[in-house]
Amino acid sequence: MYAESLATLLALHLLRPYGAQPPRPCPHTGGLSSHKLRLVQEYIHAHLDQPLGLADLAALVHFSTPHFLRMFKQSTGQAPHQYVLAQRLERARAYLHTSRLSMTEIALHLGFRTQSHCTMPFRRLTGLAPTAYRQVHGVQRSLCSALEREPRGQAGGRDGSAARRVS
């Protein structure tokens, strides 16, 4: 038994580097046509604030629900629910950067039923609660804007080297 295992190990050792080339993965084929995929994505982006049903998305491109589910996942690598959630969270991140809306308002504006339905996946995605995310990115923005307003040469030495070192 030991000799058989050793022979198999030796054969594998010789075949790996010198054997036939490994099969190459097939290029991505199938899925929704680019036109239909773009149509669905534009619809999702335009209606993020509303409940988006799988049947509605399938009807948009004239497919049955199971067929649409398979085709969408083949095209994007994500199920429609995952794609919609990712788009909503990305929009939430943008709102946190640019608006002063409360997290509850942002969540409701993006089609989440409650704030916690938005907060939990947001925390999984970014590692921070939305309010902490806003504080971290707000501080960076205000620090950068304060440095931009400061005249050169007044932040440190005679040549302004202290202002240039801050990044």
C-alpha atoms as a PDB file:
ATOM      1  CA  MET A   1       0.000   0.000   0.000  1.00  0.00           C
ATOM      2  CA  TYR A   2       2.855   2.385   0.823  1.00  0.00           C
ATOM      3  CA  ALA A   3       4.546   1.575  -2.484  1.00  0.00           C
ATOM      4  CA  GLU A   4       1.325   2.288  -4.415  1.00  0.00           C
ATOM      5  CA  SER A   5       0.931   5.676  -2.722  1.00  0.00           C
ATOM      6  CA  LEU A   6       4.548   6.513  -3.441  1.00  0.00           C
ATOM      7  CA  ALA A   7       4.136   5.508  -7.102  1.00  0.00           C
ATOM      8  CA  THR A   8       0.994   7.662  -7.416  1.00  0.00           C
ATOM      9  CA  LEU A   9       2.769  10.627  -5.814  1.00  0.00           C
ATOM     10  CA  LEU A  10       5.725  10.230  -8.199  1.00  0.00           C
ATOM     11  CA  ALA A  11       3.394  10.044 -11.206  1.00  0.00           C
ATOM     12  CA  LEU A  12       1.586  13.208 -10.120  1.00  0.00           C
ATOM     13  CA  HIS A  13       4.879  14.975  -9.526  1.00  0.00           C
ATOM     14  CA  LEU A  14       6.024  14.153 -13.075  1.00  0.00           C
ATOM     15  CA  LEU A  15       2.692  14.840 -14.796  1.00  0.00           C
ATOM     16  CA  ARG A  16       1.976  18.251 -13.279  1.00  0.00           C
ATOM     17  CA  PRO A  17       4.860  20.243 -14.769  1.00  0.00           C
ATOM     18  CA  TYR A  18       5.415  18.082 -17.846  1.00  0.00           C
ATOM     19  CA  GLY A  19       1.910  16.883 -18.631  1.00  0.00           C
ATOM     20  CA  ALA A  20      -0.638  18.361 -21.006  1.00  0.00           C
ATOM     21  CA  GLN A  21      -1.716  21.929 -20.416  1.00  0.00           C
ATOM     22  CA  PRO A  22      -4.608  22.297 -17.992  1.00  0.00           C
ATOM     23  CA  PRO A  23      -7.967  22.980 -19.588  1.00  0.00           C
ATOM     24  CA  ARG A  24      -8.576  26.666 -20.051  1.00  0.00           C
ATOM     25  CA  PRO A  25     -11.822  28.066 -18.727  1.00  0.00           C
ATOM     26  CA  CYS A  26     -14.346  28.806 -21.425  1.00  0.00           C
ATOM     27  CA  PRO A  27     -14.848  32.486 -22.154  1.00  0.00           C
ATOM     28  CA  HIS A  28     -17.974  33.929 -20.593  1.00  0.00           C
ATOM     29  CA  THR A  29     -20.817  33.091 -22.899  1.00  0.00           C
ATOM     30  CA  GLY A  30     -24.544  33.129 -22.573  1.00  0.00           C
ATOM     31  CA  GLY A  31     -26.548  35.248 -20.218  1.00  0.00           C
ATOM     32  CA  LEU A  32     -28.576  38.285 -21.151  1.00  0.00           C
ATOM     33  CA  SER A  33     -27.759  40.190 -24.305  1.00  0.00           C
ATOM     34  CA  SER A  34     -25.964  43.457 -23.650  1.00  0.00           C
ATOM     35  CA  HIS A  35     -29.097  45.392 -24.621  1.00  0.00           C
ATOM     36  CA  LYS A  36     -31.334  43.476 -22.201  1.00  0.00           C
ATOM     37  CA  LEU A  37     -28.780  43.630 -19.402  1.00  0.00           C
ATOM     38  CA  ARG A  38     -28.421  47.399 -19.838  1.00  0.00           C
ATOM     39  CA  LEU A  39     -32.219  47.757 -19.869  1.00  0.00           C
ATOM     40  CA  VAL A  40     -32.548  45.841 -16.579  1.00  0.00           C
ATOM     41  CA  GLN A  41     -29.660  47.720 -14.946  1.00  0.00           C
ATOM     42  CA  GLU A  42     -31.082  51.108 -15.950  1.00  0.00           C
ATOM     43  CA  TYR A  43     -34.491  50.089 -14.608  1.00  0.00           C
ATOM     44  CA  ILE A  44     -32.935  48.999 -11.319  1.00  0.00           C
ATOM     45  CA  HIS A  45     -31.007  52.260 -10.961  1.00  0.00           C
ATOM     46  CA  ALA A  46     -34.099  54.325 -11.740  1.00  0.00           C
ATOM     47  CA  HIS A  47     -36.277  52.425  -9.252  1.00  0.00           C
ATOM     48  CA  LEU A  48     -33.957  51.775  -6.305  1.00  0.00           C
ATOM     49  CA  ASP A  49     -36.401  53.572  -4.019  1.00  0.00           C
ATOM     50  CA  GLN A  50     -39.164  51.071  -4.788  1.00  0.00           C
ATOM     51  CA  PRO A  51     -39.582  47.366  -4.124  1.00  0.00           C
ATOM     52  CA  LEU A  52     -38.105  45.526  -7.092  1.00  0.00           C
ATOM     53  CA  GLY A  53     -39.660  42.140  -7.690  1.00  0.00           C
ATOM     54  CA  LEU A  54     -37.996  39.393  -9.649  1.00  0.00           C
ATOM     55  CA  ALA A  55     -41.156  38.903 -11.704  1.00  0.00           C
ATOM     56  CA  ASP A  56     -41.162  42.600 -12.661  1.00  0.00           C
ATOM     57  CA  LEU A  57     -37.543  42.459 -13.823  1.00  0.00           C
ATOM     58  CA  ALA A  58     -38.204  39.249 -15.774  1.00  0.00           C
ATOM     59  CA  ALA A  59     -41.267  40.775 -17.446  1.00  0.00           C
ATOM     60  CA  LEU A  60     -39.147  43.749 -18.490  1.00  0.00           C
ATOM     61  CA  VAL A  61     -37.115  41.511 -20.816  1.00  0.00           C
ATOM     62  CA  HIS A  62     -39.959  39.052 -21.582  1.00  0.00           C
ATOM     63  CA  PHE A  63     -38.465  36.057 -19.757  1.00  0.00           C
ATOM     64  CA  SER A  64     -39.941  33.660 -17.245  1.00  0.00           C
ATOM     65  CA  THR A  65     -38.775  34.312 -13.693  1.00  0.00           C
ATOM     66  CA  PRO A  66     -36.537  31.216 -13.367  1.00  0.00           C
ATOM     67  CA  HIS A  67     -34.997  31.780 -16.805  1.00  0.00           C
ATOM     68  CA  PHE A  68     -34.346  35.453 -16.046  1.00  0.00           C
ATOM     69  CA  LEU A  69     -32.746  34.526 -12.718  1.00  0.00           C
ATOM     70  CA  ARG A  70     -30.313  32.126 -14.422  1.00  0.00           C
ATOM     71  CA  MET A  71     -29.519  34.516 -17.264  1.00  0.00           C
ATOM     72  CA  PHE A  72     -28.990  37.537 -14.991  1.00  0.00           C
ATOM     73  CA  LYS A  73     -26.696  35.582 -12.692  1.00  0.00           C
ATOM     74  CA  GLN A  74     -24.750  34.277 -15.674  1.00  0.00           C
ATOM     75  CA  SER A  75     -24.350  37.836 -17.007  1.00  0.00           C
ATOM     76  CA  THR A  76     -23.401  39.608 -13.777  1.00  0.00           C
ATOM     77  CA  GLY A  77     -22.123  36.872 -11.479  1.00  0.00           C
ATOM     78  CA  GLN A  78     -24.744  37.913  -8.915  1.00  0.00           C
ATOM     79  CA  ALA A  79     -28.350  37.051  -8.283  1.00  0.00           C
ATOM     80  CA  PRO A  80     -30.691  39.992  -8.955  1.00  0.00           C
ATOM     81  CA  HIS A  81     -31.313  40.463  -5.217  1.00  0.00           C
ATOM     82  CA  GLN A  82     -27.561  40.697  -4.539  1.00  0.00           C
ATOM     83  CA  TYR A  83     -27.115  43.142  -7.409  1.00  0.00           C
ATOM     84  CA  VAL A  84     -29.966  45.373  -6.206  1.00  0.00           C
ATOM     85  CA  LEU A  85     -28.640  45.310  -2.645  1.00  0.00           C
ATOM     86  CA  ALA A  86     -25.129  46.224  -3.833  1.00  0.00           C
ATOM     87  CA  GLN A  87     -26.510  49.139  -5.880  1.00  0.00           C
ATOM     88  CA  ARG A  88     -28.560  50.406  -2.939  1.00  0.00           C
ATOM     89  CA  LEU A  89     -25.563  50.228  -0.625  1.00  0.00           C
ATOM     90  CA  GLU A  90     -23.389  52.042  -3.146  1.00  0.00           C
ATOM     91  CA  ARG A  91     -26.004  54.782  -3.406  1.00  0.00           C
ATOM     92  CA  ALA A  92     -26.205  54.912   0.416  1.00  0.00           C
ATOM     93  CA  ARG A  93     -22.444  55.395   0.517  1.00  0.00           C
ATOM     94  CA  ALA A  94     -22.756  58.269  -1.968  1.00  0.00           C
ATOM     95  CA  TYR A  95     -25.542  59.875   0.092  1.00  0.00           C
ATOM     96  CA  LEU A  96     -23.399  59.644   3.223  1.00  0.00           C
ATOM     97  CA  HIS A  97     -20.623  61.475   1.380  1.00  0.00           C
ATOM     98  CA  THR A  98     -22.745  64.220  -0.114  1.00  0.00           C
ATOM     99  CA  SER A  99     -25.902  64.809   1.908  1.00  0.00           C
ATOM    100  CA  ARG A 100     -26.921  65.618   5.440  1.00  0.00           C
ATOM    101  CA  LEU A 101     -29.907  63.259   5.388  1.00  0.00           C
ATOM    102  CA  SER A 102     -30.315  61.024   8.424  1.00  0.00           C
ATOM    103  CA  MET A 103     -29.636  57.332   7.998  1.00  0.00           C
ATOM    104  CA  THR A 104     -33.349  56.621   8.389  1.00  0.00           C
ATOM    105  CA  GLU A 105     -34.165  59.000   5.532  1.00  0.00           C
ATOM    106  CA  ILE A 106     -31.451  57.478   3.356  1.00  0.00           C
ATOM    107  CA  ALA A 107     -32.652  53.951   4.071  1.00  0.00           C
ATOM    108  CA  LEU A 108     -36.268  54.769   3.265  1.00  0.00           C
ATOM    109  CA  HIS A 109     -35.245  56.735   0.176  1.00  0.00           C
ATOM    110  CA  LEU A 110     -33.374  53.684  -1.130  1.00  0.00           C
ATOM    111  CA  GLY A 111     -36.233  51.240  -0.710  1.00  0.00           C
ATOM    112  CA  PHE A 112     -35.218  49.620   2.575  1.00  0.00           C
ATOM    113  CA  ARG A 113     -38.134  48.951   4.896  1.00  0.00           C
ATOM    114  CA  THR A 114     -36.293  50.128   8.001  1.00  0.00           C
ATOM    115  CA  GLN A 115     -32.976  51.686   8.911  1.00  0.00           C
ATOM    116  CA  SER A 116     -31.678  48.370  10.267  1.00  0.00           C
ATOM    117  CA  HIS A 117     -32.363  46.674   6.911  1.00  0.00           C
ATOM    118  CA  CYS A 118     -29.825  49.118   5.484  1.00  0.00           C
ATOM    119  CA  THR A 119     -27.417  49.304   8.409  1.00  0.00           C
ATOM    120  CA  MET A 120     -26.661  45.593   8.741  1.00  0.00           C
ATOM    121  CA  PRO A 121     -25.544  44.969   5.134  1.00  0.00           C
ATOM    122  CA  PHE A 122     -23.776  48.351   5.048  1.00  0.00           C
ATOM    123  CA  ARG A 123     -21.721  47.322   8.068  1.00  0.00           C
ATOM    124  CA  ARG A 124     -20.914  43.968   6.435  1.00  0.00           C
ATOM    125  CA  LEU A 125     -19.785  45.746   3.265  1.00  0.00           C
ATOM    126  CA  THR A 126     -17.698  48.557   4.770  1.00  0.00           C
ATOM    127  CA  GLY A 127     -16.867  47.312   8.254  1.00  0.00           C
ATOM    128  CA  LEU A 128     -18.396  50.479   9.722  1.00  0.00           C
ATOM    129  CA  ALA A 129     -21.845  51.553  10.783  1.00  0.00           C
ATOM    130  CA  PRO A 130     -23.208  54.235   8.426  1.00  0.00           C
ATOM    131  CA  THR A 131     -22.868  57.026  10.999  1.00  0.00           C
ATOM    132  CA  ALA A 132     -19.262  56.056  11.718  1.00  0.00           C
ATOM    133  CA  TYR A 133     -18.611  55.864   7.979  1.00  0.00           C
ATOM    134  CA  ARG A 134     -19.984  59.382   7.562  1.00  0.00           C
ATOM    135  CA  GLN A 135     -17.852  60.680  10.446  1.00  0.00           C
ATOM    136  CA  VAL A 136     -14.668  59.117   9.083  1.00  0.00           C
ATOM    137  CA  HIS A 137     -15.179  60.406   5.570  1.00  0.00           C
ATOM    138  CA  GLY A 138     -16.499  63.770   6.745  1.00  0.00           C
ATOM    139  CA  VAL A 139     -13.362  64.341   8.834  1.00  0.00           C
ATOM    140  CA  GLN A 140     -11.118  63.546   5.871  1.00  0.00           C
ATOM    141  CA  ARG A 141     -13.069  65.933   3.679  1.00  0.00           C
ATOM    142  CA  SER A 142     -12.913  68.792   6.192  1.00  0.00           C
ATOM    143  CA  LEU A 143      -9.184  68.222   6.815  1.00  0.00           C
ATOM    144  CA  CYS A 144      -8.450  68.353   3.078  1.00  0.00           C
ATOM    145  CA  SER A 145     -10.535  71.483   2.606  1.00  0.00           C
ATOM    146  CA  ALA A 146      -8.814  73.178   5.573  1.00  0.00           C
ATOM    147  CA  LEU A 147      -5.416  72.424   4.053  1.00  0.00           C
ATOM    148  CA  GLU A 148      -6.510  73.733   0.667  1.00  0.00           C
ATOM    149  CA  ARG A 149      -7.656  77.035   2.196  1.00  0.00           C
ATOM    150  CA  GLU A 150      -4.409  77.531   4.127  1.00  0.00           C
ATOM    151  CA  PRO A 151      -1.949  79.796   2.282  1.00  0.00           C
ATOM    152  CA  ARG A 152       1.330  78.143   1.351  1.00  0.00           C
ATOM    153  CA  GLY A 153       4.264  78.919   3.540  1.00  0.00           C
ATOM    154  CA  GLN A 154       2.236  79.611   6.691  1.00  0.00           C
ATOM    155  CA  ALA A 155       1.752  76.053   7.931  1.00  0.00           C
ATOM    156  CA  GLY A 156       5.317  75.298   8.957  1.00  0.00           C
ATOM    157  CA  GLY A 157       8.822  76.301   7.971  1.00  0.00           C
ATOM    158  CA  ARG A 158       9.875  79.201   5.817  1.00  0.00           C
ATOM    159  CA  ASP A 159       9.385  77.228   2.612  1.00  0.00           C
ATOM    160  CA  GLY A 160       5.991  75.733   3.555  1.00  0.00           C
ATOM    161  CA  SER A 161       7.448  72.204   3.764  1.00  0.00           C
ATOM    162  CA  ALA A 162       5.094  71.200   6.612  1.00  0.00           C
ATOM    163  CA  ALA A 163       2.054  71.905   4.453  1.00  0.00           C
ATOM    164  CA  ARG A 164       3.403  69.760   1.633  1.00  0.00           C
ATOM    165  CA  ARG A 165       4.153  66.777   3.869  1.00  0.00           C
ATOM    166  CA  VAL A 166       0.518  66.369   4.912  1.00  0.00           C
ATOM    167  CA  SER A 167      -1.311  64.041   2.561  1.00  0.00           C
END
